[in-house]
Amino acid sequence: MKYLKFKNLSIVYTEKTDGNQRLEKNRKKTANKFNFNKIYIPNQKHTNQITYYKNTNDKADGIFTDKKQIPIGVITADCMPIVLFDDNILSVIHAGWRGLLSGIIQNSLRNHNTDRLRAFILPSIRQCCYEVQKDFIKEHNIEKKYFSIRENRIYLNLQKLAKNLLQEHRIKSIYEIPICTGCCDKLYSYRKGDFEERILTFAWFE
């Protein structure tokens, strides 16, 4: 697993060697490594909904807390984990194309002081590997700046879409780990056949 530190914020994302984080027993092992009893994750259903950390039974793909030492996170296997934080609120969201296009970033920003907000985009499938069909581009009116064409195949840039959505809300401090789950052998990827396995990305205020 990888551990990142930014002032009073800690961020962790797991790798294959940490096991399938869809399984509660493996999440508990991960939590115990940082002296936590559990990591709060929402009931993810590719929605645009955000929930408070005490309401993890809610169908949601974003979770937030205003407490210290409360680890919150999401599980992914190609979609983007995005960590948002200001001085008082921490959010972690699971942002695939459905969530992005239906407003999960905008919904999460409602909980934050956007003047003080920072965003981290963690490893996810990138334009090099994320092939989509022409019908997808037409159906969702995807602007040309968000995709490229190579050898008559279309590749979508989810990270650019997410960053532009954040910038539209005047978020200037955006950090990105440019690792592609489709390319990196250390990470699970649904597109590579890891249909049941998941990465866990979580964060907490010290």
N, C-alpha and C. Protein backbone atom coordinates (compact mmCIF):
# COMPACT_ATOMS: atom_id res chain seq x y z
N MET A 1 0.83 -1.19 0.00
CA MET A 1 0.00 0.00 0.00
C MET A 1 0.87 1.24 0.00
N LYS A 2 0.27 2.34 -0.41
CA LYS A 2 0.98 3.61 -0.47
C LYS A 2 0.35 4.58 0.53
N TYR A 3 1.22 5.30 1.24
CA TYR A 3 0.78 6.23 2.27
C TYR A 3 1.24 7.63 1.89
N LEU A 4 0.30 8.58 1.87
CA LEU A 4 0.58 9.97 1.53
C LEU A 4 0.22 10.85 2.72
N LYS A 5 1.00 11.89 2.92
CA LYS A 5 0.77 12.80 4.04
C LYS A 5 0.76 14.22 3.53
N PHE A 6 -0.29 14.98 3.89
CA PHE A 6 -0.37 16.39 3.52
C PHE A 6 -0.86 17.16 4.73
N LYS A 7 0.07 17.85 5.41
CA LYS A 7 -0.24 18.57 6.64
C LYS A 7 -0.94 17.64 7.63
N ASN A 8 -2.20 17.91 7.98
CA ASN A 8 -2.88 17.07 8.97
C ASN A 8 -3.75 15.99 8.32
N LEU A 9 -3.54 15.76 7.03
CA LEU A 9 -4.32 14.77 6.29
C LEU A 9 -3.44 13.58 5.92
N SER A 10 -3.97 12.37 6.12
CA SER A 10 -3.32 11.15 5.66
C SER A 10 -4.19 10.48 4.62
N ILE A 11 -3.56 9.98 3.56
CA ILE A 11 -4.26 9.26 2.49
C ILE A 11 -3.52 7.94 2.24
N VAL A 12 -4.28 6.87 2.09
CA VAL A 12 -3.71 5.55 1.80
C VAL A 12 -4.48 4.92 0.65
N TYR A 13 -3.75 4.27 -0.25
CA TYR A 13 -4.43 3.39 -1.20
C TYR A 13 -3.70 2.05 -1.23
N THR A 14 -4.48 0.98 -1.37
CA THR A 14 -3.93 -0.36 -1.29
C THR A 14 -3.48 -0.86 -2.66
N GLU A 15 -2.71 -1.94 -2.61
CA GLU A 15 -2.24 -2.61 -3.82
C GLU A 15 -2.65 -4.08 -3.76
N LYS A 16 -2.35 -4.82 -4.82
CA LYS A 16 -2.73 -6.24 -4.87
C LYS A 16 -2.18 -7.02 -3.68
N THR A 17 -0.99 -6.68 -3.26
CA THR A 17 -0.36 -7.42 -2.16
C THR A 17 -1.12 -7.25 -0.84
N ASP A 18 -2.01 -6.27 -0.76
CA ASP A 18 -2.82 -6.06 0.45
C ASP A 18 -4.12 -6.85 0.40
N GLY A 19 -4.37 -7.52 -0.72
CA GLY A 19 -5.56 -8.35 -0.82
C GLY A 19 -6.77 -7.59 -1.35
N ASN A 20 -7.81 -8.33 -1.65
CA ASN A 20 -9.05 -7.80 -2.18
C ASN A 20 -9.80 -7.03 -1.10
N GLN A 21 -9.88 -5.70 -1.26
CA GLN A 21 -10.48 -4.86 -0.23
C GLN A 21 -12.01 -4.82 -0.30
N ARG A 22 -12.58 -5.56 -1.23
CA ARG A 22 -14.04 -5.75 -1.20
C ARG A 22 -14.41 -6.60 0.02
N LEU A 23 -13.48 -7.43 0.46
CA LEU A 23 -13.72 -8.32 1.59
C LEU A 23 -13.50 -7.58 2.90
N GLU A 24 -14.48 -7.65 3.78
CA GLU A 24 -14.40 -6.92 5.05
C GLU A 24 -13.21 -7.35 5.88
N LYS A 25 -12.87 -8.64 5.84
CA LYS A 25 -11.74 -9.12 6.65
C LYS A 25 -10.43 -8.46 6.21
N ASN A 26 -10.28 -8.20 4.91
CA ASN A 26 -9.07 -7.54 4.43
C ASN A 26 -9.07 -6.05 4.74
N ARG A 27 -10.26 -5.44 4.69
CA ARG A 27 -10.33 -4.02 5.09
C ARG A 27 -9.98 -3.86 6.57
N LYS A 28 -10.41 -4.83 7.36
CA LYS A 28 -10.10 -4.76 8.80
C LYS A 28 -8.59 -4.87 9.04
N LYS A 29 -7.94 -5.74 8.29
CA LYS A 29 -6.48 -5.86 8.40
C LYS A 29 -5.81 -4.55 8.02
N THR A 30 -6.31 -3.93 6.95
CA THR A 30 -5.77 -2.65 6.52
C THR A 30 -5.97 -1.58 7.60
N ALA A 31 -7.17 -1.55 8.16
CA ALA A 31 -7.47 -0.57 9.21
C ALA A 31 -6.56 -0.78 10.42
N ASN A 32 -6.35 -2.03 10.80
CA ASN A 32 -5.54 -2.33 11.98
C ASN A 32 -4.09 -1.88 11.84
N LYS A 33 -3.60 -1.83 10.61
CA LYS A 33 -2.22 -1.38 10.38
C LYS A 33 -2.03 0.07 10.78
N PHE A 34 -3.15 0.82 10.82
CA PHE A 34 -3.07 2.23 11.21
C PHE A 34 -3.80 2.49 12.53
N ASN A 35 -3.98 1.39 13.28
CA ASN A 35 -4.59 1.45 14.62
C ASN A 35 -6.03 1.92 14.60
N PHE A 36 -6.75 1.59 13.52
CA PHE A 36 -8.19 1.84 13.46
C PHE A 36 -8.94 0.51 13.57
N ASN A 37 -10.13 0.57 14.13
CA ASN A 37 -10.96 -0.64 14.20
C ASN A 37 -11.67 -0.91 12.88
N LYS A 38 -12.00 0.14 12.15
CA LYS A 38 -12.69 -0.01 10.88
C LYS A 38 -12.45 1.21 10.02
N ILE A 39 -12.77 1.05 8.74
CA ILE A 39 -12.75 2.15 7.79
C ILE A 39 -14.18 2.29 7.27
N TYR A 40 -14.71 3.48 7.33
CA TYR A 40 -16.09 3.73 6.93
C TYR A 40 -16.15 3.89 5.41
N ILE A 41 -16.91 3.02 4.76
CA ILE A 41 -17.12 3.14 3.32
C ILE A 41 -18.62 3.13 3.03
N PRO A 42 -19.06 3.85 2.01
CA PRO A 42 -20.50 3.90 1.69
C PRO A 42 -20.94 2.64 0.95
N ASN A 43 -22.22 2.49 0.82
CA ASN A 43 -22.83 1.39 0.07
C ASN A 43 -22.86 1.78 -1.41
N GLN A 44 -21.76 1.51 -2.10
CA GLN A 44 -21.52 2.07 -3.44
C GLN A 44 -22.39 1.40 -4.51
N LYS A 45 -23.06 2.25 -5.31
CA LYS A 45 -23.95 1.75 -6.36
C LYS A 45 -23.83 2.60 -7.64
N HIS A 46 -22.70 3.24 -7.85
CA HIS A 46 -22.49 4.12 -9.01
C HIS A 46 -23.53 5.25 -9.05
N THR A 47 -23.77 5.83 -7.88
CA THR A 47 -24.71 6.94 -7.77
C THR A 47 -23.96 8.26 -7.77
N ASN A 48 -24.72 9.35 -7.58
CA ASN A 48 -24.09 10.67 -7.40
C ASN A 48 -24.34 11.17 -5.97
N GLN A 49 -24.65 10.25 -5.07
CA GLN A 49 -25.05 10.63 -3.71
C GLN A 49 -23.86 10.64 -2.75
N ILE A 50 -23.95 11.53 -1.75
CA ILE A 50 -22.93 11.68 -0.72
C ILE A 50 -23.59 11.42 0.63
N THR A 51 -22.89 10.72 1.52
CA THR A 51 -23.46 10.44 2.83
C THR A 51 -22.46 10.73 3.94
N TYR A 52 -22.98 10.98 5.14
CA TYR A 52 -22.14 11.19 6.33
C TYR A 52 -21.59 9.85 6.79
N TYR A 53 -20.44 9.87 7.44
CA TYR A 53 -19.76 8.62 7.77
C TYR A 53 -20.56 7.70 8.68
N LYS A 54 -21.51 8.23 9.43
CA LYS A 54 -22.33 7.39 10.31
C LYS A 54 -23.45 6.67 9.57
N ASN A 55 -23.63 6.99 8.29
CA ASN A 55 -24.77 6.46 7.53
C ASN A 55 -24.30 5.58 6.38
N THR A 56 -23.42 4.63 6.66
CA THR A 56 -22.81 3.85 5.59
C THR A 56 -23.76 2.85 4.94
N ASN A 57 -24.94 2.65 5.49
CA ASN A 57 -25.93 1.79 4.83
C ASN A 57 -26.63 2.50 3.68
N ASP A 58 -26.54 3.82 3.64
CA ASP A 58 -27.14 4.58 2.55
C ASP A 58 -26.47 4.23 1.23
N LYS A 59 -27.27 4.17 0.16
CA LYS A 59 -26.68 4.01 -1.16
C LYS A 59 -26.03 5.33 -1.56
N ALA A 60 -24.73 5.32 -1.66
CA ALA A 60 -23.98 6.55 -1.95
C ALA A 60 -22.60 6.17 -2.48
N ASP A 61 -21.99 7.09 -3.20
CA ASP A 61 -20.65 6.85 -3.72
C ASP A 61 -19.67 7.94 -3.28
N GLY A 62 -20.08 8.67 -2.27
CA GLY A 62 -19.21 9.62 -1.62
C GLY A 62 -19.52 9.62 -0.14
N ILE A 63 -18.50 9.88 0.67
CA ILE A 63 -18.66 9.86 2.12
C ILE A 63 -17.85 11.01 2.71
N PHE A 64 -18.37 11.63 3.78
CA PHE A 64 -17.63 12.75 4.37
C PHE A 64 -17.69 12.69 5.89
N THR A 65 -16.75 13.39 6.50
CA THR A 65 -16.69 13.49 7.95
C THR A 65 -16.19 14.86 8.35
N ASP A 66 -16.59 15.29 9.55
CA ASP A 66 -16.07 16.52 10.14
C ASP A 66 -15.31 16.21 11.43
N LYS A 67 -14.94 14.94 11.62
CA LYS A 67 -14.26 14.49 12.83
C LYS A 67 -12.83 14.07 12.53
N LYS A 68 -11.98 14.23 13.52
CA LYS A 68 -10.61 13.74 13.41
C LYS A 68 -10.56 12.25 13.73
N GLN A 69 -9.54 11.59 13.19
CA GLN A 69 -9.30 10.17 13.45
C GLN A 69 -10.47 9.28 13.04
N ILE A 70 -11.21 9.70 12.02
CA ILE A 70 -12.28 8.88 11.45
C ILE A 70 -11.88 8.57 10.00
N PRO A 71 -11.41 7.35 9.74
CA PRO A 71 -10.98 7.02 8.38
C PRO A 71 -12.18 6.70 7.49
N ILE A 72 -12.26 7.38 6.35
CA ILE A 72 -13.35 7.17 5.40
C ILE A 72 -12.75 6.83 4.04
N GLY A 73 -13.47 6.05 3.25
CA GLY A 73 -12.90 5.66 1.97
C GLY A 73 -13.90 5.07 1.01
N VAL A 74 -13.38 4.66 -0.14
CA VAL A 74 -14.17 4.01 -1.18
C VAL A 74 -13.35 2.88 -1.77
N ILE A 75 -14.05 1.92 -2.39
CA ILE A 75 -13.37 0.84 -3.09
C ILE A 75 -13.56 1.05 -4.59
N THR A 76 -12.50 0.76 -5.36
CA THR A 76 -12.52 0.98 -6.80
C THR A 76 -11.73 -0.11 -7.51
N ALA A 77 -11.96 -0.20 -8.85
CA ALA A 77 -11.17 -1.12 -9.65
C ALA A 77 -10.94 -0.55 -11.04
N ASP A 78 -10.99 0.73 -11.19
CA ASP A 78 -10.69 1.53 -12.38
C ASP A 78 -11.23 2.95 -12.22
N CYS A 79 -12.39 3.08 -11.54
CA CYS A 79 -12.96 4.40 -11.32
C CYS A 79 -12.03 5.25 -10.46
N MET A 80 -12.26 6.55 -10.48
CA MET A 80 -11.40 7.47 -9.74
C MET A 80 -11.78 7.59 -8.28
N PRO A 81 -10.84 7.37 -7.38
CA PRO A 81 -11.02 7.82 -6.00
C PRO A 81 -10.56 9.27 -5.91
N ILE A 82 -11.41 10.13 -5.40
CA ILE A 82 -11.05 11.55 -5.25
C ILE A 82 -11.22 11.94 -3.79
N VAL A 83 -10.18 12.53 -3.22
CA VAL A 83 -10.20 13.01 -1.84
C VAL A 83 -10.31 14.53 -1.88
N LEU A 84 -11.30 15.06 -1.18
CA LEU A 84 -11.52 16.50 -1.08
C LEU A 84 -11.43 16.91 0.38
N PHE A 85 -10.75 18.01 0.66
CA PHE A 85 -10.72 18.46 2.05
C PHE A 85 -10.49 19.96 2.14
N ASP A 86 -11.15 20.55 3.15
CA ASP A 86 -10.88 21.94 3.53
C ASP A 86 -10.43 21.92 4.98
N ASP A 87 -10.59 23.01 5.70
CA ASP A 87 -10.11 23.06 7.07
C ASP A 87 -10.91 22.17 8.02
N ASN A 88 -12.16 21.87 7.66
CA ASN A 88 -13.05 21.19 8.60
C ASN A 88 -13.71 19.92 8.07
N ILE A 89 -13.81 19.78 6.76
CA ILE A 89 -14.54 18.66 6.18
C ILE A 89 -13.62 17.85 5.27
N LEU A 90 -13.75 16.54 5.37
CA LEU A 90 -13.01 15.60 4.52
C LEU A 90 -14.02 14.73 3.78
N SER A 91 -13.85 14.59 2.47
CA SER A 91 -14.71 13.73 1.67
C SER A 91 -13.86 12.80 0.82
N VAL A 92 -14.38 11.60 0.59
CA VAL A 92 -13.77 10.67 -0.36
C VAL A 92 -14.88 10.19 -1.28
N ILE A 93 -14.66 10.29 -2.59
CA ILE A 93 -15.71 9.90 -3.52
C ILE A 93 -15.21 8.88 -4.53
N HIS A 94 -16.13 8.07 -4.99
CA HIS A 94 -15.92 7.06 -6.03
C HIS A 94 -16.52 7.64 -7.31
N ALA A 95 -15.66 8.03 -8.23
CA ALA A 95 -16.11 8.78 -9.41
C ALA A 95 -15.79 8.02 -10.69
N GLY A 96 -16.77 7.27 -11.17
CA GLY A 96 -16.69 6.71 -12.51
C GLY A 96 -17.42 7.64 -13.47
N TRP A 97 -17.62 7.20 -14.70
CA TRP A 97 -18.25 8.10 -15.66
C TRP A 97 -19.68 8.42 -15.27
N ARG A 98 -20.40 7.44 -14.68
CA ARG A 98 -21.79 7.71 -14.28
C ARG A 98 -21.85 8.80 -13.22
N GLY A 99 -21.00 8.66 -12.21
CA GLY A 99 -20.99 9.64 -11.15
C GLY A 99 -20.57 11.02 -11.62
N LEU A 100 -19.53 11.06 -12.45
CA LEU A 100 -19.05 12.35 -12.94
C LEU A 100 -20.12 13.07 -13.77
N LEU A 101 -20.76 12.32 -14.67
CA LEU A 101 -21.73 12.95 -15.56
C LEU A 101 -23.03 13.30 -14.85
N SER A 102 -23.30 12.66 -13.71
CA SER A 102 -24.54 12.95 -12.99
C SER A 102 -24.34 13.89 -11.80
N GLY A 103 -23.08 14.35 -11.58
CA GLY A 103 -22.88 15.42 -10.61
C GLY A 103 -22.34 15.05 -9.25
N ILE A 104 -21.61 13.94 -9.14
CA ILE A 104 -21.13 13.55 -7.81
C ILE A 104 -20.12 14.56 -7.25
N ILE A 105 -19.29 15.14 -8.10
CA ILE A 105 -18.35 16.15 -7.61
C ILE A 105 -19.10 17.38 -7.11
N GLN A 106 -20.05 17.85 -7.89
CA GLN A 106 -20.83 19.03 -7.48
C GLN A 106 -21.58 18.77 -6.18
N ASN A 107 -22.14 17.58 -6.03
CA ASN A 107 -22.87 17.24 -4.80
C ASN A 107 -21.95 17.23 -3.59
N SER A 108 -20.74 16.73 -3.78
CA SER A 108 -19.79 16.69 -2.68
C SER A 108 -19.33 18.09 -2.28
N LEU A 109 -19.16 18.96 -3.25
CA LEU A 109 -18.67 20.31 -2.97
C LEU A 109 -19.63 21.11 -2.10
N ARG A 110 -20.90 20.73 -2.07
CA ARG A 110 -21.88 21.44 -1.25
C ARG A 110 -21.53 21.37 0.24
N ASN A 111 -20.77 20.37 0.63
CA ASN A 111 -20.40 20.22 2.04
C ASN A 111 -19.14 21.00 2.41
N HIS A 112 -18.50 21.60 1.42
CA HIS A 112 -17.18 22.18 1.65
C HIS A 112 -17.16 23.69 1.49
N ASN A 113 -16.15 24.28 2.13
CA ASN A 113 -15.76 25.66 1.87
C ASN A 113 -14.83 25.65 0.67
N THR A 114 -15.37 25.94 -0.51
CA THR A 114 -14.58 25.77 -1.72
C THR A 114 -13.40 26.75 -1.82
N ASP A 115 -13.44 27.82 -1.06
CA ASP A 115 -12.31 28.76 -1.07
C ASP A 115 -11.07 28.15 -0.44
N ARG A 116 -11.26 27.13 0.40
CA ARG A 116 -10.15 26.51 1.11
C ARG A 116 -9.94 25.05 0.71
N LEU A 117 -10.56 24.66 -0.39
CA LEU A 117 -10.61 23.24 -0.75
C LEU A 117 -9.38 22.80 -1.53
N ARG A 118 -8.94 21.57 -1.24
CA ARG A 118 -7.90 20.90 -2.02
C ARG A 118 -8.46 19.56 -2.48
N ALA A 119 -7.95 19.09 -3.60
CA ALA A 119 -8.43 17.83 -4.17
C ALA A 119 -7.25 16.95 -4.56
N PHE A 120 -7.38 15.66 -4.29
CA PHE A 120 -6.42 14.66 -4.71
C PHE A 120 -7.13 13.65 -5.60
N ILE A 121 -6.58 13.38 -6.78
CA ILE A 121 -7.09 12.33 -7.66
C ILE A 121 -6.11 11.17 -7.58
N LEU A 122 -6.60 10.02 -7.13
CA LEU A 122 -5.75 8.86 -6.89
C LEU A 122 -5.74 7.92 -8.10
N PRO A 123 -4.91 6.87 -8.09
CA PRO A 123 -4.80 6.00 -9.26
C PRO A 123 -6.13 5.46 -9.76
N SER A 124 -6.27 5.47 -11.08
CA SER A 124 -7.50 5.05 -11.75
C SER A 124 -7.17 4.81 -13.21
N ILE A 125 -8.12 4.28 -13.95
CA ILE A 125 -7.84 4.02 -15.37
C ILE A 125 -7.72 5.36 -16.11
N ARG A 126 -6.73 5.43 -16.98
CA ARG A 126 -6.42 6.68 -17.66
C ARG A 126 -6.66 6.56 -19.16
N GLN A 127 -6.45 7.67 -19.84
CA GLN A 127 -6.79 7.75 -21.26
C GLN A 127 -6.04 6.71 -22.10
N CYS A 128 -4.88 6.29 -21.66
CA CYS A 128 -4.11 5.30 -22.41
C CYS A 128 -4.85 3.97 -22.53
N CYS A 129 -5.72 3.67 -21.56
CA CYS A 129 -6.37 2.36 -21.50
C CYS A 129 -7.89 2.38 -21.52
N TYR A 130 -8.51 3.54 -21.33
CA TYR A 130 -9.95 3.59 -21.15
C TYR A 130 -10.66 3.78 -22.49
N GLU A 131 -10.87 2.68 -23.19
CA GLU A 131 -11.54 2.72 -24.48
C GLU A 131 -13.05 2.75 -24.30
N VAL A 132 -13.72 3.60 -25.07
CA VAL A 132 -15.18 3.68 -25.07
C VAL A 132 -15.67 3.64 -26.52
N GLN A 133 -16.96 3.43 -26.67
CA GLN A 133 -17.54 3.33 -28.01
C GLN A 133 -18.03 4.69 -28.52
N LYS A 134 -18.14 4.78 -29.82
CA LYS A 134 -18.61 6.02 -30.45
C LYS A 134 -20.01 6.38 -29.96
N ASP A 135 -20.86 5.38 -29.78
CA ASP A 135 -22.22 5.63 -29.30
C ASP A 135 -22.22 6.26 -27.92
N PHE A 136 -21.26 5.86 -27.08
CA PHE A 136 -21.13 6.43 -25.73
C PHE A 136 -20.85 7.94 -25.82
N ILE A 137 -19.93 8.29 -26.68
CA ILE A 137 -19.55 9.70 -26.85
C ILE A 137 -20.76 10.52 -27.32
N LYS A 138 -21.51 9.98 -28.28
CA LYS A 138 -22.67 10.70 -28.80
C LYS A 138 -23.78 10.79 -27.78
N GLU A 139 -24.07 9.68 -27.12
CA GLU A 139 -25.19 9.64 -26.16
C GLU A 139 -25.00 10.63 -25.03
N HIS A 140 -23.74 10.79 -24.58
CA HIS A 140 -23.48 11.64 -23.42
C HIS A 140 -22.90 13.00 -23.80
N ASN A 141 -22.85 13.28 -25.08
CA ASN A 141 -22.36 14.59 -25.57
C ASN A 141 -21.00 14.94 -24.98
N ILE A 142 -20.08 13.98 -25.05
CA ILE A 142 -18.73 14.21 -24.50
C ILE A 142 -17.95 15.14 -25.43
N GLU A 143 -17.44 16.22 -24.86
CA GLU A 143 -16.67 17.17 -25.66
C GLU A 143 -15.35 16.56 -26.13
N LYS A 144 -14.90 17.01 -27.30
CA LYS A 144 -13.69 16.46 -27.92
C LYS A 144 -12.47 16.56 -27.01
N LYS A 145 -12.40 17.58 -26.18
CA LYS A 145 -11.22 17.76 -25.34
C LYS A 145 -11.06 16.66 -24.30
N TYR A 146 -12.11 15.85 -24.09
CA TYR A 146 -12.05 14.80 -23.09
C TYR A 146 -11.76 13.41 -23.66
N PHE A 147 -11.52 13.32 -24.96
CA PHE A 147 -11.18 12.01 -25.51
C PHE A 147 -10.20 12.17 -26.68
N SER A 148 -9.54 11.07 -26.99
CA SER A 148 -8.64 11.04 -28.14
C SER A 148 -8.98 9.82 -28.99
N ILE A 149 -8.51 9.84 -30.23
CA ILE A 149 -8.75 8.74 -31.15
C ILE A 149 -7.41 8.19 -31.62
N ARG A 150 -7.23 6.89 -31.43
CA ARG A 150 -6.01 6.22 -31.89
C ARG A 150 -6.41 4.96 -32.64
N GLU A 151 -5.95 4.86 -33.86
CA GLU A 151 -6.25 3.68 -34.68
C GLU A 151 -7.75 3.39 -34.70
N ASN A 152 -8.53 4.46 -34.89
CA ASN A 152 -10.00 4.38 -34.96
C ASN A 152 -10.65 3.91 -33.67
N ARG A 153 -9.94 3.98 -32.57
CA ARG A 153 -10.49 3.66 -31.26
C ARG A 153 -10.54 4.93 -30.41
N ILE A 154 -11.55 5.02 -29.57
CA ILE A 154 -11.78 6.23 -28.76
C ILE A 154 -11.38 5.96 -27.32
N TYR A 155 -10.61 6.89 -26.74
CA TYR A 155 -10.12 6.73 -25.37
C TYR A 155 -10.50 7.96 -24.54
N LEU A 156 -11.15 7.71 -23.42
CA LEU A 156 -11.71 8.78 -22.59
C LEU A 156 -10.75 9.18 -21.48
N ASN A 157 -10.71 10.48 -21.20
CA ASN A 157 -9.85 11.03 -20.15
C ASN A 157 -10.72 11.47 -18.97
N LEU A 158 -10.97 10.54 -18.05
CA LEU A 158 -11.80 10.84 -16.88
C LEU A 158 -11.15 11.88 -15.98
N GLN A 159 -9.83 11.81 -15.87
CA GLN A 159 -9.13 12.73 -14.96
C GLN A 159 -9.27 14.18 -15.43
N LYS A 160 -9.16 14.40 -16.72
CA LYS A 160 -9.32 15.76 -17.25
C LYS A 160 -10.73 16.26 -17.00
N LEU A 161 -11.71 15.39 -17.18
CA LEU A 161 -13.10 15.77 -16.93
C LEU A 161 -13.28 16.15 -15.46
N ALA A 162 -12.73 15.35 -14.55
CA ALA A 162 -12.85 15.65 -13.12
C ALA A 162 -12.17 16.96 -12.77
N LYS A 163 -10.97 17.18 -13.30
CA LYS A 163 -10.24 18.41 -13.00
C LYS A 163 -10.98 19.64 -13.52
N ASN A 164 -11.55 19.53 -14.70
CA ASN A 164 -12.30 20.66 -15.24
C ASN A 164 -13.53 20.96 -14.40
N LEU A 165 -14.22 19.93 -13.93
CA LEU A 165 -15.36 20.15 -13.05
C LEU A 165 -14.95 20.86 -11.77
N LEU A 166 -13.83 20.47 -11.21
CA LEU A 166 -13.32 21.12 -10.00
C LEU A 166 -12.93 22.57 -10.28
N GLN A 167 -12.26 22.79 -11.39
CA GLN A 167 -11.82 24.15 -11.74
C GLN A 167 -12.99 25.07 -12.01
N GLU A 168 -14.08 24.52 -12.54
CA GLU A 168 -15.28 25.33 -12.77
C GLU A 168 -15.84 25.88 -11.46
N HIS A 169 -15.52 25.20 -10.34
CA HIS A 169 -15.96 25.65 -9.01
C HIS A 169 -14.81 26.35 -8.26
N ARG A 170 -13.85 26.84 -9.05
CA ARG A 170 -12.74 27.66 -8.52
C ARG A 170 -11.82 26.89 -7.59
N ILE A 171 -11.73 25.58 -7.77
CA ILE A 171 -10.78 24.78 -7.00
C ILE A 171 -9.45 24.82 -7.72
N LYS A 172 -8.46 25.43 -7.10
CA LYS A 172 -7.16 25.61 -7.75
C LYS A 172 -6.13 24.58 -7.31
N SER A 173 -6.26 24.07 -6.08
CA SER A 173 -5.27 23.12 -5.57
C SER A 173 -5.73 21.69 -5.87
N ILE A 174 -5.30 21.19 -7.02
CA ILE A 174 -5.67 19.85 -7.46
C ILE A 174 -4.39 19.04 -7.68
N TYR A 175 -4.28 17.94 -6.97
CA TYR A 175 -3.11 17.08 -7.06
C TYR A 175 -3.53 15.74 -7.68
N GLU A 176 -2.62 15.15 -8.41
CA GLU A 176 -2.97 13.94 -9.14
C GLU A 176 -1.81 12.95 -9.09
N ILE A 177 -2.12 11.70 -8.84
CA ILE A 177 -1.13 10.63 -8.96
C ILE A 177 -1.36 9.97 -10.32
N PRO A 178 -0.48 10.19 -11.28
CA PRO A 178 -0.73 9.76 -12.66
C PRO A 178 -0.40 8.29 -12.90
N ILE A 179 -1.01 7.42 -12.11
CA ILE A 179 -0.82 5.98 -12.27
C ILE A 179 -2.11 5.39 -12.83
N CYS A 180 -1.98 4.62 -13.89
CA CYS A 180 -3.13 4.01 -14.54
C CYS A 180 -3.33 2.59 -14.02
N THR A 181 -4.53 2.30 -13.54
CA THR A 181 -4.81 0.94 -13.07
C THR A 181 -4.76 -0.07 -14.21
N GLY A 182 -5.02 0.38 -15.44
CA GLY A 182 -4.94 -0.51 -16.58
C GLY A 182 -3.52 -0.89 -16.96
N CYS A 183 -2.56 -0.03 -16.61
CA CYS A 183 -1.15 -0.28 -16.94
C CYS A 183 -0.36 -0.89 -15.79
N CYS A 184 -0.75 -0.56 -14.56
CA CYS A 184 0.06 -0.91 -13.39
C CYS A 184 -0.29 -2.31 -12.90
N ASP A 185 0.68 -3.20 -12.92
CA ASP A 185 0.45 -4.58 -12.48
C ASP A 185 0.24 -4.70 -10.98
N LYS A 186 0.55 -3.66 -10.22
CA LYS A 186 0.41 -3.72 -8.77
C LYS A 186 -1.01 -3.43 -8.30
N LEU A 187 -1.87 -2.96 -9.23
CA LEU A 187 -3.22 -2.53 -8.86
C LEU A 187 -4.28 -3.35 -9.60
N TYR A 188 -5.41 -3.56 -8.93
CA TYR A 188 -6.52 -4.24 -9.58
C TYR A 188 -7.14 -3.35 -10.66
N SER A 189 -7.64 -4.01 -11.71
CA SER A 189 -8.32 -3.30 -12.79
C SER A 189 -9.45 -4.17 -13.31
N TYR A 190 -10.65 -3.64 -13.28
CA TYR A 190 -11.81 -4.36 -13.81
C TYR A 190 -11.61 -4.69 -15.29
N ARG A 191 -11.04 -3.74 -16.01
CA ARG A 191 -10.84 -3.93 -17.45
C ARG A 191 -9.80 -5.00 -17.76
N LYS A 192 -8.94 -5.30 -16.79
CA LYS A 192 -7.95 -6.36 -16.97
C LYS A 192 -8.48 -7.71 -16.47
N GLY A 193 -9.73 -7.74 -16.00
CA GLY A 193 -10.31 -9.00 -15.57
C GLY A 193 -10.46 -9.18 -14.08
N ASP A 194 -10.12 -8.14 -13.31
CA ASP A 194 -10.29 -8.21 -11.85
C ASP A 194 -11.73 -7.81 -11.51
N PHE A 195 -12.67 -8.69 -11.83
CA PHE A 195 -14.09 -8.35 -11.72
C PHE A 195 -14.58 -8.27 -10.28
N GLU A 196 -13.98 -9.03 -9.39
CA GLU A 196 -14.43 -9.07 -8.00
C GLU A 196 -13.49 -8.33 -7.05
N GLU A 197 -12.28 -8.09 -7.47
CA GLU A 197 -11.27 -7.49 -6.59
C GLU A 197 -11.36 -5.97 -6.60
N ARG A 198 -11.01 -5.38 -5.46
CA ARG A 198 -11.09 -3.92 -5.34
C ARG A 198 -9.89 -3.35 -4.59
N ILE A 199 -9.55 -2.11 -4.96
CA ILE A 199 -8.58 -1.28 -4.24
C ILE A 199 -9.36 -0.47 -3.21
N LEU A 200 -8.74 -0.22 -2.07
CA LEU A 200 -9.32 0.67 -1.06
C LEU A 200 -8.50 1.95 -0.99
N THR A 201 -9.18 3.07 -1.12
CA THR A 201 -8.56 4.38 -0.90
C THR A 201 -9.26 5.03 0.27
N PHE A 202 -8.50 5.43 1.29
CA PHE A 202 -9.11 6.05 2.44
C PHE A 202 -8.24 7.16 3.00
N ALA A 203 -8.87 8.02 3.81
CA ALA A 203 -8.17 9.19 4.32
C ALA A 203 -8.73 9.56 5.68
N TRP A 204 -7.95 10.33 6.44
CA TRP A 204 -8.42 10.80 7.74
C TRP A 204 -7.65 12.04 8.16
N PHE A 205 -8.31 12.85 8.97
CA PHE A 205 -7.67 13.98 9.61
C PHE A 205 -6.95 13.51 10.87
N GLU A 206 -5.73 13.98 11.07
CA GLU A 206 -5.01 13.67 12.31
C GLU A 206 -5.61 14.44 13.47
